Amino acid sequence: MRLTLILLFFTPLAFGQTYVQLVEYADQKVEVGDYYGAILYYQQAMTFDSTSVEINWKMAETQRKYKNYEKAAEYYQLVYTKEQARIYPMSIFWLATMLQQSGEYAQAKQAFKSANKV
């Protein structure tokens, strides 16, 4: 009952927020170490623009800090495949690290080799 009331109260607030506000809220959550809260806001922001390299990078970083290595690898892969290695040169390194943490050693080895070339 209590959870239902909380959800009913906060749901209208979520729908009335803009992309910029959602990203700002998420960034604030990251600053205080509330990575789960930040992930929720970034996910909402992604409903506006899921192709943004910046939001994919922030999501990857937050997932890594939350220790969700498989999800982090997915987002680092998105950043790296969008040819944004110049803007986010650490994306391939973190992708390799997340693959290694997820037990994907062969893929991690290839990614580390690619990171060496950057």
N, C-alpha and C. Protein backbone atom coordinates (compact mmCIF):
# COMPACT_ATOMS: atom_id res chain seq x y z
N MET A 1 0.83 -1.19 0.00
CA MET A 1 0.00 0.00 0.00
C MET A 1 0.87 1.26 0.00
N ARG A 2 1.85 1.27 0.89
CA ARG A 2 2.72 2.43 1.02
C ARG A 2 3.51 2.65 -0.28
N LEU A 3 4.03 1.55 -0.86
CA LEU A 3 4.79 1.64 -2.11
C LEU A 3 3.93 2.17 -3.24
N THR A 4 2.69 1.74 -3.29
CA THR A 4 1.76 2.20 -4.32
C THR A 4 1.55 3.70 -4.22
N LEU A 5 1.38 4.19 -3.01
CA LEU A 5 1.20 5.63 -2.83
C LEU A 5 2.44 6.41 -3.24
N ILE A 6 3.59 5.89 -2.91
CA ILE A 6 4.84 6.55 -3.29
C ILE A 6 4.97 6.60 -4.81
N LEU A 7 4.70 5.48 -5.46
CA LEU A 7 4.79 5.43 -6.93
C LEU A 7 3.78 6.37 -7.58
N LEU A 8 2.57 6.42 -7.05
CA LEU A 8 1.56 7.32 -7.61
C LEU A 8 1.95 8.77 -7.44
N PHE A 9 2.63 9.08 -6.35
CA PHE A 9 3.04 10.45 -6.09
C PHE A 9 4.18 10.88 -7.01
N PHE A 10 5.17 10.00 -7.23
CA PHE A 10 6.35 10.38 -7.99
C PHE A 10 6.23 10.17 -9.50
N THR A 11 5.32 9.33 -9.94
CA THR A 11 5.19 9.06 -11.37
C THR A 11 4.89 10.31 -12.18
N PRO A 12 3.95 11.16 -11.79
CA PRO A 12 3.70 12.37 -12.59
C PRO A 12 4.94 13.27 -12.68
N LEU A 13 5.75 13.28 -11.63
CA LEU A 13 6.96 14.11 -11.67
C LEU A 13 7.92 13.62 -12.74
N ALA A 14 8.04 12.32 -12.88
CA ALA A 14 8.97 11.75 -13.85
C ALA A 14 8.57 12.09 -15.27
N PHE A 15 7.28 12.09 -15.55
CA PHE A 15 6.84 12.35 -16.91
C PHE A 15 6.96 13.82 -17.29
N GLY A 16 6.97 14.70 -16.30
CA GLY A 16 7.04 16.12 -16.59
C GLY A 16 8.46 16.65 -16.72
N GLN A 17 9.46 15.80 -16.59
CA GLN A 17 10.84 16.26 -16.62
C GLN A 17 11.38 16.24 -18.04
N THR A 18 12.29 17.14 -18.28
CA THR A 18 12.93 17.21 -19.59
C THR A 18 14.20 16.37 -19.59
N TYR A 19 14.72 16.15 -20.77
CA TYR A 19 15.96 15.40 -20.94
C TYR A 19 17.08 16.02 -20.11
N VAL A 20 17.24 17.32 -20.21
CA VAL A 20 18.31 18.02 -19.50
C VAL A 20 18.15 17.86 -17.99
N GLN A 21 16.93 17.99 -17.49
CA GLN A 21 16.69 17.83 -16.06
C GLN A 21 17.03 16.42 -15.59
N LEU A 22 16.62 15.43 -16.38
CA LEU A 22 16.89 14.04 -16.01
C LEU A 22 18.39 13.77 -15.93
N VAL A 23 19.13 14.29 -16.91
CA VAL A 23 20.58 14.09 -16.91
C VAL A 23 21.21 14.83 -15.72
N GLU A 24 20.73 16.02 -15.43
CA GLU A 24 21.25 16.76 -14.29
C GLU A 24 20.98 16.01 -12.98
N TYR A 25 19.77 15.48 -12.82
CA TYR A 25 19.44 14.71 -11.61
C TYR A 25 20.35 13.48 -11.52
N ALA A 26 20.55 12.81 -12.63
CA ALA A 26 21.41 11.62 -12.65
C ALA A 26 22.83 11.99 -12.26
N ASP A 27 23.32 13.08 -12.84
CA ASP A 27 24.68 13.53 -12.52
C ASP A 27 24.83 13.84 -11.03
N GLN A 28 23.80 14.44 -10.44
CA GLN A 28 23.82 14.73 -9.01
C GLN A 28 23.85 13.45 -8.19
N LYS A 29 23.11 12.45 -8.64
CA LYS A 29 23.09 11.16 -7.95
C LYS A 29 24.48 10.52 -7.99
N VAL A 30 25.14 10.62 -9.13
CA VAL A 30 26.49 10.05 -9.26
C VAL A 30 27.44 10.75 -8.30
N GLU A 31 27.33 12.07 -8.20
CA GLU A 31 28.21 12.84 -7.32
C GLU A 31 28.13 12.39 -5.87
N VAL A 32 26.95 11.96 -5.44
CA VAL A 32 26.80 11.54 -4.04
C VAL A 32 26.92 10.03 -3.87
N GLY A 33 27.22 9.33 -4.97
CA GLY A 33 27.43 7.89 -4.90
C GLY A 33 26.18 7.04 -4.97
N ASP A 34 25.06 7.64 -5.36
CA ASP A 34 23.81 6.90 -5.53
C ASP A 34 23.73 6.44 -6.98
N TYR A 35 24.46 5.38 -7.29
CA TYR A 35 24.57 4.92 -8.68
C TYR A 35 23.27 4.30 -9.18
N TYR A 36 22.58 3.60 -8.32
CA TYR A 36 21.31 3.01 -8.73
C TYR A 36 20.31 4.11 -9.11
N GLY A 37 20.21 5.13 -8.28
CA GLY A 37 19.33 6.26 -8.59
C GLY A 37 19.73 6.94 -9.88
N ALA A 38 21.02 7.09 -10.10
CA ALA A 38 21.51 7.71 -11.33
C ALA A 38 21.13 6.87 -12.55
N ILE A 39 21.26 5.57 -12.44
CA ILE A 39 20.90 4.68 -13.54
C ILE A 39 19.43 4.86 -13.91
N LEU A 40 18.58 4.96 -12.90
CA LEU A 40 17.15 5.15 -13.17
C LEU A 40 16.89 6.44 -13.93
N TYR A 41 17.56 7.53 -13.54
CA TYR A 41 17.39 8.80 -14.25
C TYR A 41 17.98 8.75 -15.66
N TYR A 42 19.15 8.13 -15.81
CA TYR A 42 19.72 8.00 -17.15
C TYR A 42 18.82 7.18 -18.06
N GLN A 43 18.22 6.12 -17.51
CA GLN A 43 17.30 5.32 -18.32
C GLN A 43 16.11 6.15 -18.79
N GLN A 44 15.60 6.99 -17.92
CA GLN A 44 14.50 7.87 -18.31
C GLN A 44 14.96 8.86 -19.38
N ALA A 45 16.16 9.40 -19.23
CA ALA A 45 16.70 10.34 -20.22
C ALA A 45 16.87 9.65 -21.57
N MET A 46 17.22 8.37 -21.53
CA MET A 46 17.43 7.64 -22.78
C MET A 46 16.13 7.45 -23.57
N THR A 47 15.00 7.59 -22.92
CA THR A 47 13.74 7.51 -23.66
C THR A 47 13.59 8.71 -24.60
N PHE A 48 14.28 9.81 -24.29
CA PHE A 48 14.29 10.98 -25.15
C PHE A 48 15.30 10.82 -26.28
N ASP A 49 16.50 10.30 -25.94
CA ASP A 49 17.57 10.18 -26.94
C ASP A 49 18.51 9.05 -26.53
N SER A 50 18.27 7.87 -27.07
CA SER A 50 19.10 6.72 -26.73
C SER A 50 20.36 6.64 -27.57
N THR A 51 20.48 7.51 -28.57
CA THR A 51 21.66 7.48 -29.44
C THR A 51 22.75 8.45 -28.99
N SER A 52 22.48 9.23 -27.97
CA SER A 52 23.46 10.20 -27.49
C SER A 52 24.70 9.48 -26.95
N VAL A 53 25.83 9.81 -27.52
CA VAL A 53 27.08 9.21 -27.07
C VAL A 53 27.38 9.64 -25.64
N GLU A 54 27.07 10.88 -25.32
CA GLU A 54 27.32 11.39 -23.97
C GLU A 54 26.52 10.60 -22.94
N ILE A 55 25.25 10.35 -23.20
CA ILE A 55 24.42 9.63 -22.23
C ILE A 55 24.85 8.16 -22.15
N ASN A 56 25.25 7.58 -23.28
CA ASN A 56 25.76 6.21 -23.25
C ASN A 56 27.04 6.12 -22.44
N TRP A 57 27.91 7.11 -22.57
CA TRP A 57 29.15 7.14 -21.79
C TRP A 57 28.83 7.25 -20.29
N LYS A 58 27.92 8.17 -19.95
CA LYS A 58 27.57 8.34 -18.55
C LYS A 58 26.94 7.08 -17.98
N MET A 59 26.11 6.43 -18.78
CA MET A 59 25.49 5.18 -18.32
C MET A 59 26.56 4.10 -18.13
N ALA A 60 27.50 4.01 -19.05
CA ALA A 60 28.59 3.02 -18.92
C ALA A 60 29.39 3.26 -17.65
N GLU A 61 29.75 4.50 -17.42
CA GLU A 61 30.53 4.85 -16.23
C GLU A 61 29.76 4.51 -14.94
N THR A 62 28.48 4.82 -14.94
CA THR A 62 27.67 4.59 -13.76
C THR A 62 27.46 3.09 -13.52
N GLN A 63 27.23 2.35 -14.60
CA GLN A 63 27.07 0.90 -14.46
C GLN A 63 28.37 0.28 -13.91
N ARG A 64 29.50 0.78 -14.38
CA ARG A 64 30.79 0.28 -13.89
C ARG A 64 30.94 0.54 -12.39
N LYS A 65 30.61 1.75 -11.99
CA LYS A 65 30.72 2.11 -10.58
C LYS A 65 29.72 1.32 -9.72
N TYR A 66 28.61 0.94 -10.32
CA TYR A 66 27.59 0.14 -9.63
C TYR A 66 27.97 -1.34 -9.64
N LYS A 67 29.06 -1.64 -10.34
CA LYS A 67 29.61 -3.00 -10.46
C LYS A 67 28.72 -3.94 -11.28
N ASN A 68 27.99 -3.35 -12.21
CA ASN A 68 27.20 -4.13 -13.15
C ASN A 68 28.03 -4.20 -14.44
N TYR A 69 29.03 -5.06 -14.43
CA TYR A 69 30.05 -5.07 -15.47
C TYR A 69 29.52 -5.46 -16.84
N GLU A 70 28.56 -6.36 -16.90
CA GLU A 70 28.02 -6.77 -18.20
C GLU A 70 27.29 -5.61 -18.87
N LYS A 71 26.47 -4.90 -18.10
CA LYS A 71 25.76 -3.74 -18.65
C LYS A 71 26.74 -2.64 -19.02
N ALA A 72 27.73 -2.43 -18.17
CA ALA A 72 28.74 -1.41 -18.46
C ALA A 72 29.42 -1.73 -19.78
N ALA A 73 29.76 -3.00 -20.01
CA ALA A 73 30.41 -3.40 -21.26
C ALA A 73 29.52 -3.08 -22.45
N GLU A 74 28.22 -3.31 -22.32
CA GLU A 74 27.29 -3.00 -23.42
C GLU A 74 27.34 -1.51 -23.78
N TYR A 75 27.34 -0.67 -22.77
CA TYR A 75 27.34 0.77 -23.03
C TYR A 75 28.70 1.26 -23.53
N TYR A 76 29.78 0.72 -22.99
CA TYR A 76 31.11 1.10 -23.51
C TYR A 76 31.22 0.66 -24.97
N GLN A 77 30.66 -0.50 -25.30
CA GLN A 77 30.68 -0.98 -26.68
C GLN A 77 29.93 0.00 -27.59
N LEU A 78 28.78 0.49 -27.14
CA LEU A 78 28.03 1.47 -27.92
C LEU A 78 28.85 2.73 -28.17
N VAL A 79 29.52 3.19 -27.14
CA VAL A 79 30.34 4.40 -27.28
C VAL A 79 31.49 4.15 -28.25
N TYR A 80 32.14 3.02 -28.10
CA TYR A 80 33.30 2.72 -28.94
C TYR A 80 32.91 2.48 -30.40
N THR A 81 31.80 1.80 -30.63
CA THR A 81 31.41 1.51 -32.02
C THR A 81 30.85 2.72 -32.73
N LYS A 82 30.50 3.74 -31.99
CA LYS A 82 30.01 4.96 -32.63
C LYS A 82 31.16 5.86 -33.06
N GLU A 83 32.35 5.26 -33.13
CA GLU A 83 33.53 6.00 -33.60
C GLU A 83 33.83 7.22 -32.73
N GLN A 84 33.53 7.12 -31.47
CA GLN A 84 33.77 8.24 -30.57
C GLN A 84 35.03 8.05 -29.73
N ALA A 85 35.92 7.20 -30.18
CA ALA A 85 37.14 6.94 -29.43
C ALA A 85 37.97 8.21 -29.26
N ARG A 86 37.82 9.16 -30.17
CA ARG A 86 38.57 10.42 -30.03
C ARG A 86 38.04 11.22 -28.85
N ILE A 87 36.72 11.21 -28.68
CA ILE A 87 36.11 11.97 -27.59
C ILE A 87 36.23 11.22 -26.27
N TYR A 88 36.04 9.91 -26.34
CA TYR A 88 36.11 9.06 -25.15
C TYR A 88 37.17 7.99 -25.38
N PRO A 89 38.45 8.38 -25.34
CA PRO A 89 39.51 7.42 -25.66
C PRO A 89 39.61 6.25 -24.67
N MET A 90 39.08 6.41 -23.48
CA MET A 90 39.13 5.33 -22.49
C MET A 90 38.03 4.29 -22.70
N SER A 91 37.14 4.53 -23.66
CA SER A 91 36.01 3.61 -23.84
C SER A 91 36.48 2.20 -24.17
N ILE A 92 37.51 2.05 -25.00
CA ILE A 92 37.98 0.71 -25.36
C ILE A 92 38.68 0.03 -24.17
N PHE A 93 39.42 0.80 -23.40
CA PHE A 93 40.06 0.24 -22.21
C PHE A 93 39.02 -0.27 -21.21
N TRP A 94 38.02 0.58 -20.95
CA TRP A 94 36.99 0.16 -19.99
C TRP A 94 36.15 -0.97 -20.55
N LEU A 95 35.92 -0.99 -21.85
CA LEU A 95 35.21 -2.11 -22.46
C LEU A 95 35.99 -3.40 -22.20
N ALA A 96 37.28 -3.38 -22.45
CA ALA A 96 38.12 -4.56 -22.22
C ALA A 96 38.09 -4.98 -20.76
N THR A 97 38.18 -4.02 -19.87
CA THR A 97 38.16 -4.32 -18.44
C THR A 97 36.83 -4.93 -18.02
N MET A 98 35.74 -4.39 -18.53
CA MET A 98 34.42 -4.91 -18.17
C MET A 98 34.21 -6.32 -18.73
N LEU A 99 34.73 -6.55 -19.93
CA LEU A 99 34.65 -7.90 -20.50
C LEU A 99 35.43 -8.88 -19.64
N GLN A 100 36.60 -8.45 -19.20
CA GLN A 100 37.42 -9.30 -18.34
C GLN A 100 36.69 -9.59 -17.02
N GLN A 101 36.11 -8.57 -16.43
CA GLN A 101 35.38 -8.74 -15.17
C GLN A 101 34.16 -9.66 -15.34
N SER A 102 33.62 -9.69 -16.57
CA SER A 102 32.45 -10.53 -16.85
C SER A 102 32.83 -11.94 -17.26
N GLY A 103 34.13 -12.22 -17.32
CA GLY A 103 34.58 -13.56 -17.68
C GLY A 103 34.69 -13.81 -19.17
N GLU A 104 34.58 -12.77 -19.96
CA GLU A 104 34.69 -12.87 -21.42
C GLU A 104 36.16 -12.61 -21.81
N TYR A 105 37.01 -13.57 -21.47
CA TYR A 105 38.46 -13.36 -21.57
C TYR A 105 38.96 -13.22 -23.01
N ALA A 106 38.44 -13.99 -23.93
CA ALA A 106 38.89 -13.90 -25.32
C ALA A 106 38.53 -12.54 -25.91
N GLN A 107 37.30 -12.09 -25.65
CA GLN A 107 36.88 -10.77 -26.13
C GLN A 107 37.67 -9.66 -25.44
N ALA A 108 37.92 -9.84 -24.16
CA ALA A 108 38.69 -8.85 -23.41
C ALA A 108 40.10 -8.72 -23.99
N LYS A 109 40.71 -9.86 -24.32
CA LYS A 109 42.06 -9.85 -24.89
C LYS A 109 42.09 -9.05 -26.19
N GLN A 110 41.10 -9.28 -27.05
CA GLN A 110 41.03 -8.53 -28.31
C GLN A 110 40.83 -7.04 -28.06
N ALA A 111 39.98 -6.71 -27.11
CA ALA A 111 39.73 -5.31 -26.80
C ALA A 111 40.96 -4.64 -26.21
N PHE A 112 41.72 -5.37 -25.37
CA PHE A 112 42.96 -4.80 -24.83
C PHE A 112 43.96 -4.55 -25.94
N LYS A 113 44.02 -5.45 -26.92
CA LYS A 113 44.90 -5.24 -28.08
C LYS A 113 44.49 -3.98 -28.84
N SER A 114 43.19 -3.77 -29.00
CA SER A 114 42.71 -2.56 -29.68
C SER A 114 43.02 -1.33 -28.85
N ALA A 115 42.92 -1.45 -27.54
CA ALA A 115 43.21 -0.32 -26.67
C ALA A 115 44.68 0.06 -26.76
N ASN A 116 45.53 -0.90 -26.97
CA ASN A 116 46.96 -0.64 -27.10
C ASN A 116 47.28 0.19 -28.32
N LYS A 117 46.43 0.08 -29.34
CA LYS A 117 46.66 0.81 -30.60
C LYS A 117 46.18 2.25 -30.54
N VAL A 118 45.32 2.55 -29.59
CA VAL A 118 44.73 3.91 -29.51
C VAL A 118 45.72 4.88 -28.92
